[in-house]
PDB file of N, CA and C in Angstrom:
ATOM      1  N   MET A   1     -32.579  57.465-142.026  1.00  0.00           N
ATOM      2  CA  MET A   1     -31.449  59.084-140.493  1.00  0.00           C
ATOM      3  C   MET A   1     -31.119  60.202-140.989  1.00  0.00           C
ATOM      4  N   LEU A   2     -31.448  61.247-140.494  1.00  0.00           N
ATOM      5  CA  LEU A   2     -31.314  62.366-141.390  1.00  0.00           C
ATOM      6  C   LEU A   2     -29.913  63.327-140.726  1.00  0.00           C
ATOM      7  N   CYS A   3     -28.840  62.266-140.062  1.00  0.00           N
ATOM      8  CA  CYS A   3     -27.892  62.803-140.165  1.00  0.00           C
ATOM      9  C   CYS A   3     -26.529  63.470-141.298  1.00  0.00           C
ATOM     10  N   GLY A   4     -27.019  64.612-141.467  1.00  0.00           N
ATOM     11  CA  GLY A   4     -25.488  65.398-141.926  1.00  0.00           C
ATOM     12  C   GLY A   4     -26.256  65.473-143.930  1.00  0.00           C
ATOM     13  N   HIS A   5     -28.003  65.484-143.435  1.00  0.00           N
ATOM     14  CA  HIS A   5     -28.801  66.400-144.591  1.00  0.00           C
ATOM     15  C   HIS A   5     -30.018  67.326-144.152  1.00  0.00           C
ATOM     16  N   SER A   6     -28.561  68.405-143.821  1.00  0.00           N
ATOM     17  CA  SER A   6     -29.369  69.168-142.963  1.00  0.00           C
ATOM     18  C   SER A   6     -30.608  70.384-143.559  1.00  0.00           C
ATOM     19  N   GLU A   7     -30.342  70.175-144.768  1.00  0.00           N
ATOM     20  CA  GLU A   7     -31.372  70.515-146.082  1.00  0.00           C
ATOM     21  C   GLU A   7     -32.707  70.024-146.197  1.00  0.00           C
ATOM     22  N   LEU A   8     -33.239  68.669-145.722  1.00  0.00           N
ATOM     23  CA  LEU A   8     -33.953  67.712-145.126  1.00  0.00           C
ATOM     24  C   LEU A   8     -34.508  68.411-143.594  1.00  0.00           C
ATOM     25  N   LEU A   9     -34.134  68.762-142.477  1.00  0.00           N
ATOM     26  CA  LEU A   9     -34.374  69.979-141.384  1.00  0.00           C
ATOM     27  C   LEU A   9     -34.849  70.710-141.711  1.00  0.00           C
ATOM     28  N   ALA A  10     -34.478  70.650-142.317  1.00  0.00           N
ATOM     29  CA  ALA A  10     -34.815  72.695-142.895  1.00  0.00           C
ATOM     30  C   ALA A  10     -36.231  72.838-142.973  1.00  0.00           C
ATOM     31  N   ILE A  11     -36.091  71.830-143.859  1.00  0.00           N
ATOM     32  CA  ILE A  11     -37.292  71.528-145.197  1.00  0.00           C
ATOM     33  C   ILE A  11     -38.642  71.073-144.435  1.00  0.00           C
ATOM     34  N   GLY A  12     -38.091  70.159-143.323  1.00  0.00           N
ATOM     35  CA  GLY A  12     -39.544  69.499-142.025  1.00  0.00           C
ATOM     36  C   GLY A  12     -39.184  71.158-141.457  1.00  0.00           C
ATOM     37  N   LEU A  13     -38.500  72.229-140.910  1.00  0.00           N
ATOM     38  CA  LEU A  13     -38.873  72.859-140.022  1.00  0.00           C
ATOM     39  C   LEU A  13     -39.771  74.377-140.975  1.00  0.00           C
ATOM     40  N   GLY A  14     -39.577  73.736-142.403  1.00  0.00           N
ATOM     41  CA  GLY A  14     -40.258  74.954-142.524  1.00  0.00           C
ATOM     42  C   GLY A  14     -41.790  74.598-142.693  1.00  0.00           C
ATOM     43  N   LEU A  15     -41.503  73.181-143.276  1.00  0.00           N
ATOM     44  CA  LEU A  15     -43.550  73.516-143.690  1.00  0.00           C
ATOM     45  C   LEU A  15     -43.712  73.024-142.094  1.00  0.00           C
ATOM     46  N   PHE A  16     -43.286  73.067-140.573  1.00  0.00           N
ATOM     47  CA  PHE A  16     -44.160  72.779-139.422  1.00  0.00           C
ATOM     48  C   PHE A  16     -44.425  74.303-139.051  1.00  0.00           C
ATOM     49  N   SER A  17     -43.395  75.239-139.675  1.00  0.00           N
ATOM     50  CA  SER A  17     -43.717  76.296-138.850  1.00  0.00           C
ATOM     51  C   SER A  17     -44.267  77.780-140.003  1.00  0.00           C
ATOM     52  N   THR A  18     -44.501  77.197-141.035  1.00  0.00           N
ATOM     53  CA  THR A  18     -44.712  78.422-141.669  1.00  0.00           C
ATOM     54  C   THR A  18     -46.240  78.003-142.515  1.00  0.00           C
ATOM     55  N   GLN A  19     -46.466  79.162-142.731  1.00  0.00           N
ATOM     56  CA  GLN A  19     -48.314  78.898-143.783  1.00  0.00           C
ATOM     57  C   GLN A  19     -48.070  77.973-144.819  1.00  0.00           C
ATOM     58  N   GLU A  20     -48.967  77.485-145.194  1.00  0.00           N
ATOM     59  CA  GLU A  20     -49.463  77.105-146.831  1.00  0.00           C
ATOM     60  C   GLU A  20     -49.534  77.873-147.676  1.00  0.00           C
ATOM     61  N   ARG A  21     -48.482  77.451-148.346  1.00  0.00           N
ATOM     62  CA  ARG A  21     -48.020  78.010-149.925  1.00  0.00           C
ATOM     63  C   ARG A  21     -46.841  79.200-149.721  1.00  0.00           C
ATOM     64  N   THR A  22     -46.863  79.261-148.548  1.00  0.00           N
ATOM     65  CA  THR A  22     -45.501  80.184-148.290  1.00  0.00           C
ATOM     66  C   THR A  22     -43.959  79.630-149.021  1.00  0.00           C
ATOM     67  N   THR A  23     -43.411  80.077-149.798  1.00  0.00           N
ATOM     68  CA  THR A  23     -42.201  79.736-150.347  1.00  0.00           C
ATOM     69  C   THR A  23     -41.097  79.466-149.149  1.00  0.00           C
ATOM     70  N   LEU A  24     -41.021  77.996-148.911  1.00  0.00           N
ATOM     71  CA  LEU A  24     -39.689  78.016-148.187  1.00  0.00           C
ATOM     72  C   LEU A  24     -38.625  78.438-148.971  1.00  0.00           C
ATOM     73  N   ARG A  25     -37.276  79.375-148.344  1.00  0.00           N
ATOM     74  CA  ARG A  25     -36.036  79.336-149.486  1.00  0.00           C
ATOM     75  C   ARG A  25     -34.384  79.072-148.229  1.00  0.00           C
ATOM     76  N   ILE A  26     -34.101  78.095-148.215  1.00  0.00           N
ATOM     77  CA  ILE A  26     -32.997  77.021-147.335  1.00  0.00           C
ATOM     78  C   ILE A  26     -31.855  77.354-148.713  1.00  0.00           C
ATOM     79  N   SER A  27     -30.376  77.453-147.486  1.00  0.00           N
ATOM     80  CA  SER A  27     -29.388  78.127-148.365  1.00  0.00           C
ATOM     81  C   SER A  27     -28.141  76.901-147.693  1.00  0.00           C
ATOM     82  N   LYS A  28     -27.166  76.949-147.702  1.00  0.00           N
ATOM     83  CA  LYS A  28     -26.633  75.628-147.394  1.00  0.00           C
ATOM     84  C   LYS A  28     -24.893  75.789-147.869  1.00  0.00           C
ATOM     85  N   ASN A  29     -23.769  75.898-147.225  1.00  0.00           N
ATOM     86  CA  ASN A  29     -22.302  75.636-147.757  1.00  0.00           C
ATOM     87  C   ASN A  29     -21.553  74.571-148.387  1.00  0.00           C
ATOM     88  N   LEU A  30     -22.626  73.516-148.756  1.00  0.00           N
ATOM     89  CA  LEU A  30     -22.080  72.406-149.400  1.00  0.00           C
ATOM     90  C   LEU A  30     -23.340  71.942-150.456  1.00  0.00           C
ATOM     91  N   ARG A  31     -22.851  71.202-151.225  1.00  0.00           N
ATOM     92  CA  ARG A  31     -23.378  70.647-152.731  1.00  0.00           C
ATOM     93  C   ARG A  31     -24.940  69.641-151.769  1.00  0.00           C
ATOM     94  N   MET A  32     -25.764  70.308-152.579  1.00  0.00           N
ATOM     95  CA  MET A  32     -27.420  69.059-152.710  1.00  0.00           C
ATOM     96  C   MET A  32     -26.860  67.766-152.711  1.00  0.00           C
ATOM     97  N   CYS A  33     -27.113  66.833-152.041  1.00  0.00           N
ATOM     98  CA  CYS A  33     -26.460  65.302-152.183  1.00  0.00           C
ATOM     99  C   CYS A  33     -28.168  64.826-153.521  1.00  0.00           C
ATOM    100  N   GLY A  34     -28.266  63.208-153.752  1.00  0.00           N
ATOM    101  CA  GLY A  34     -28.882  63.010-154.341  1.00  0.00           C
ATOM    102  C   GLY A  34     -30.383  62.655-154.155  1.00  0.00           C
ATOM    103  N   GLU A  35     -29.429  61.886-152.947  1.00  0.00           N
ATOM    104  CA  GLU A  35     -31.260  61.497-152.398  1.00  0.00           C
ATOM    105  C   GLU A  35     -31.327  62.363-151.618  1.00  0.00           C
ATOM    106  N   CYS A  36     -30.986  63.299-151.703  1.00  0.00           N
ATOM    107  CA  CYS A  36     -32.178  64.993-150.367  1.00  0.00           C
ATOM    108  C   CYS A  36     -32.791  65.440-151.342  1.00  0.00           C
ATOM    109  N   HIS A  37     -32.224  65.718-153.148  1.00  0.00           N
ATOM    110  CA  HIS A  37     -32.804  66.109-153.835  1.00  0.00           C
ATOM    111  C   HIS A  37     -34.065  65.660-154.490  1.00  0.00           C
ATOM    112  N   ALA A  38     -33.983  64.047-154.357  1.00  0.00           N
ATOM    113  CA  ALA A  38     -34.911  63.350-154.395  1.00  0.00           C
ATOM    114  C   ALA A  38     -36.434  63.223-154.057  1.00  0.00           C
ATOM    115  N   ILE A  39     -35.747  63.405-152.351  1.00  0.00           N
ATOM    116  CA  ILE A  39     -36.480  63.919-150.956  1.00  0.00           C
ATOM    117  C   ILE A  39     -37.652  64.489-151.288  1.00  0.00           C
ATOM    118  N   THR A  40     -36.683  66.123-151.413  1.00  0.00           N
ATOM    119  CA  THR A  40     -37.148  66.802-151.801  1.00  0.00           C
ATOM    120  C   THR A  40     -38.258  67.217-153.127  1.00  0.00           C
ATOM    121  N   LYS A  41     -37.979  66.159-154.187  1.00  0.00           N
ATOM    122  CA  LYS A  41     -38.849  66.155-155.581  1.00  0.00           C
ATOM    123  C   LYS A  41     -40.173  65.910-154.953  1.00  0.00           C
ATOM    124  N   PHE A  42     -40.474  64.565-153.628  1.00  0.00           N
ATOM    125  CA  PHE A  42     -41.212  64.110-153.850  1.00  0.00           C
ATOM    126  C   PHE A  42     -41.687  64.909-152.842  1.00  0.00           C
ATOM    127  N   ILE A  43     -41.090  65.716-151.657  1.00  0.00           N
ATOM    128  CA  ILE A  43     -42.169  66.391-150.577  1.00  0.00           C
ATOM    129  C   ILE A  43     -42.723  67.690-151.756  1.00  0.00           C
ATOM    130  N   ARG A  44     -42.370  68.053-152.261  1.00  0.00           N
ATOM    131  CA  ARG A  44     -43.126  69.217-153.801  1.00  0.00           C
ATOM    132  C   ARG A  44     -44.305  68.466-153.851  1.00  0.00           C
ATOM    133  N   LYS A  45     -44.144  67.222-154.433  1.00  0.00           N
ATOM    134  CA  LYS A  45     -45.576  66.872-154.735  1.00  0.00           C
ATOM    135  C   LYS A  45     -46.495  66.981-154.047  1.00  0.00           C
ATOM    136  N   PHE A  46     -46.452  66.534-153.126  1.00  0.00           N
ATOM    137  CA  PHE A  46     -47.757  66.997-151.797  1.00  0.00           C
ATOM    138  C   PHE A  46     -47.596  68.627-151.326  1.00  0.00           C
ATOM    139  N   GLU A  47     -47.416  68.921-151.006  1.00  0.00           N
ATOM    140  CA  GLU A  47     -46.953  70.457-150.429  1.00  0.00           C
ATOM    141  C   GLU A  47     -47.166  71.235-151.118  1.00  0.00           C
ATOM    142  N   LYS A  48     -48.430  72.371-151.170  1.00  0.00           N
ATOM    143  CA  LYS A  48     -48.893  73.324-152.693  1.00  0.00           C
ATOM    144  C   LYS A  48     -47.986  74.661-152.214  1.00  0.00           C
ATOM    145  N   ARG A  49     -46.576  73.941-152.017  1.00  0.00           N
ATOM    146  CA  ARG A  49     -45.653  75.033-152.110  1.00  0.00           C
ATOM    147  C   ARG A  49     -44.490  74.926-152.707  1.00  0.00           C
ATOM    148  N   GLU A  50     -43.712  76.433-153.088  1.00  0.00           N
ATOM    149  CA  GLU A  50     -42.407  76.175-153.554  1.00  0.00           C
ATOM    150  C   GLU A  50     -41.089  75.799-152.988  1.00  0.00           C
ATOM    151  N   ILE A  51     -40.308  75.013-152.889  1.00  0.00           N
ATOM    152  CA  ILE A  51     -39.204  74.926-151.912  1.00  0.00           C
ATOM    153  C   ILE A  51     -37.807  75.563-153.079  1.00  0.00           C
ATOM    154  N   MET A  52     -37.041  76.061-152.537  1.00  0.00           N
ATOM    155  CA  MET A  52     -35.272  76.910-152.869  1.00  0.00           C
ATOM    156  C   MET A  52     -34.484  76.048-152.168  1.00  0.00           C
ATOM    157  N   VAL A  53     -33.669  76.513-152.298  1.00  0.00           N
ATOM    158  CA  VAL A  53     -32.237  74.765-152.169  1.00  0.00           C
ATOM    159  C   VAL A  53     -31.345  76.167-152.679  1.00  0.00           C
ATOM    160  N   MET A  54     -29.969  76.563-152.199  1.00  0.00           N
ATOM    161  CA  MET A  54     -29.096  76.966-152.883  1.00  0.00           C
ATOM    162  C   MET A  54     -28.158  76.246-152.020  1.00  0.00           C
ATOM    163  N   ASP A  55     -27.078  75.975-153.160  1.00  0.00           N
ATOM    164  CA  ASP A  55     -25.608  74.522-152.147  1.00  0.00           C
ATOM    165  C   ASP A  55     -24.814  75.481-153.059  1.00  0.00           C
ATOM    166  N   ILE A  56     -23.747  75.207-153.127  1.00  0.00           N
ATOM    167  CA  ILE A  56     -22.404  75.619-153.647  1.00  0.00           C
ATOM    168  C   ILE A  56     -22.433  76.111-154.712  1.00  0.00           C
ATOM    169  N   PHE A  57     -23.347  74.940-156.143  1.00  0.00           N
ATOM    170  CA  PHE A  57     -23.260  75.789-157.505  1.00  0.00           C
ATOM    171  C   PHE A  57     -24.727  75.442-157.908  1.00  0.00           C
ATOM    172  N   CYS A  58     -25.812  76.078-157.777  1.00  0.00           N
ATOM    173  CA  CYS A  58     -26.432  76.319-158.047  1.00  0.00           C
ATOM    174  C   CYS A  58     -27.471  76.469-157.247  1.00  0.00           C
ATOM    175  N   VAL A  59     -28.716  77.008-157.952  1.00  0.00           N
ATOM    176  CA  VAL A  59     -30.313  77.432-157.062  1.00  0.00           C
ATOM    177  C   VAL A  59     -31.018  76.213-157.057  1.00  0.00           C
ATOM    178  N   HIS A  60     -31.381  75.096-157.116  1.00  0.00           N
ATOM    179  CA  HIS A  60     -32.847  73.996-157.032  1.00  0.00           C
ATOM    180  C   HIS A  60     -33.533  74.525-155.998  1.00  0.00           C
ATOM    181  N   HIS A  61     -34.678  75.055-157.734  1.00  0.00           N
ATOM    182  CA  HIS A  61     -36.083  75.518-157.182  1.00  0.00           C
ATOM    183  C   HIS A  61     -36.746  74.738-157.680  1.00  0.00           C
ATOM    184  N   PHE A  62     -37.425  73.717-157.064  1.00  0.00           N
ATOM    185  CA  PHE A  62     -38.482  72.760-156.583  1.00  0.00           C
ATOM    186  C   PHE A  62     -40.216  73.510-156.920  1.00  0.00           C
ATOM    187  N   LYS A  63     -40.603  73.356-157.987  1.00  0.00           N
ATOM    188  CA  LYS A  63     -41.799  73.681-158.901  1.00  0.00           C
ATOM    189  C   LYS A  63     -42.962  72.545-159.429  1.00  0.00           C
ATOM    190  N   ASN A  64     -44.498  72.009-158.887  1.00  0.00           N
ATOM    191  CA  ASN A  64     -44.216  71.641-159.203  1.00  0.00           C
ATOM    192  C   ASN A  64     -43.940  70.032-159.726  1.00  0.00           C
ATOM    193  N   GLY A  65     -42.949  69.620-158.876  1.00  0.00           N
ATOM    194  CA  GLY A  65     -42.513  68.653-158.748  1.00  0.00           C
ATOM    195  C   GLY A  65     -41.294  67.911-159.222  1.00  0.00           C
ATOM    196  N   LEU A  66     -41.329  69.459-159.983  1.00  0.00           N
ATOM    197  CA  LEU A  66     -39.931  68.872-161.027  1.00  0.00           C
ATOM    198  C   LEU A  66     -39.072  70.162-160.263  1.00  0.00           C
ATOM    199  N   CYS A  67     -36.940  69.845-160.694  1.00  0.00           N
ATOM    200  CA  CYS A  67     -36.681  71.231-160.213  1.00  0.00           C
ATOM    201  C   CYS A  67     -35.738  71.727-161.651  1.00  0.00           C
ATOM    202  N   CYS A  68     -35.597  72.952-161.356  1.00  0.00           N
ATOM    203  CA  CYS A  68     -34.738  73.532-162.694  1.00  0.00           C
ATOM    204  C   CYS A  68     -34.033  73.269-162.846  1.00  0.00           C
ATOM    205  N   CYS A  69     -32.824  71.941-162.171  1.00  0.00           N
ATOM    206  CA  CYS A  69     -31.290  71.833-163.115  1.00  0.00           C
ATOM    207  C   CYS A  69     -31.667  71.064-163.474  1.00  0.00           C
ATOM    208  N   ASN A  70     -32.848  70.498-163.939  1.00  0.00           N
ATOM    209  CA  ASN A  70     -33.250  69.030-164.843  1.00  0.00           C
ATOM    210  C   ASN A  70     -31.868  67.579-163.555  1.00  0.00           C
ATOM    211  N   GLU A  71     -31.980  67.826-162.927  1.00  0.00           N
ATOM    212  CA  GLU A  71     -32.185  66.381-162.083  1.00  0.00           C
ATOM    213  C   GLU A  71     -33.013  65.544-162.126  1.00  0.00           C
TER     214      GLU A  71
END
């Protein structure tokens, strides 16, 4: 279930409603949990676009299946 994982809902909406190769930029006012971080890295491996999630601590920039925060 996606209850409480708003960034995953936003990523899903972004993938559905934008063109391919469009960078997804998501902002949230809480910390990104480890589960969402892992799922976003997995999604990035199959989608030909960059995903950026800005939380209260840092900007997670997912590119080429990796995140800039090295988690």
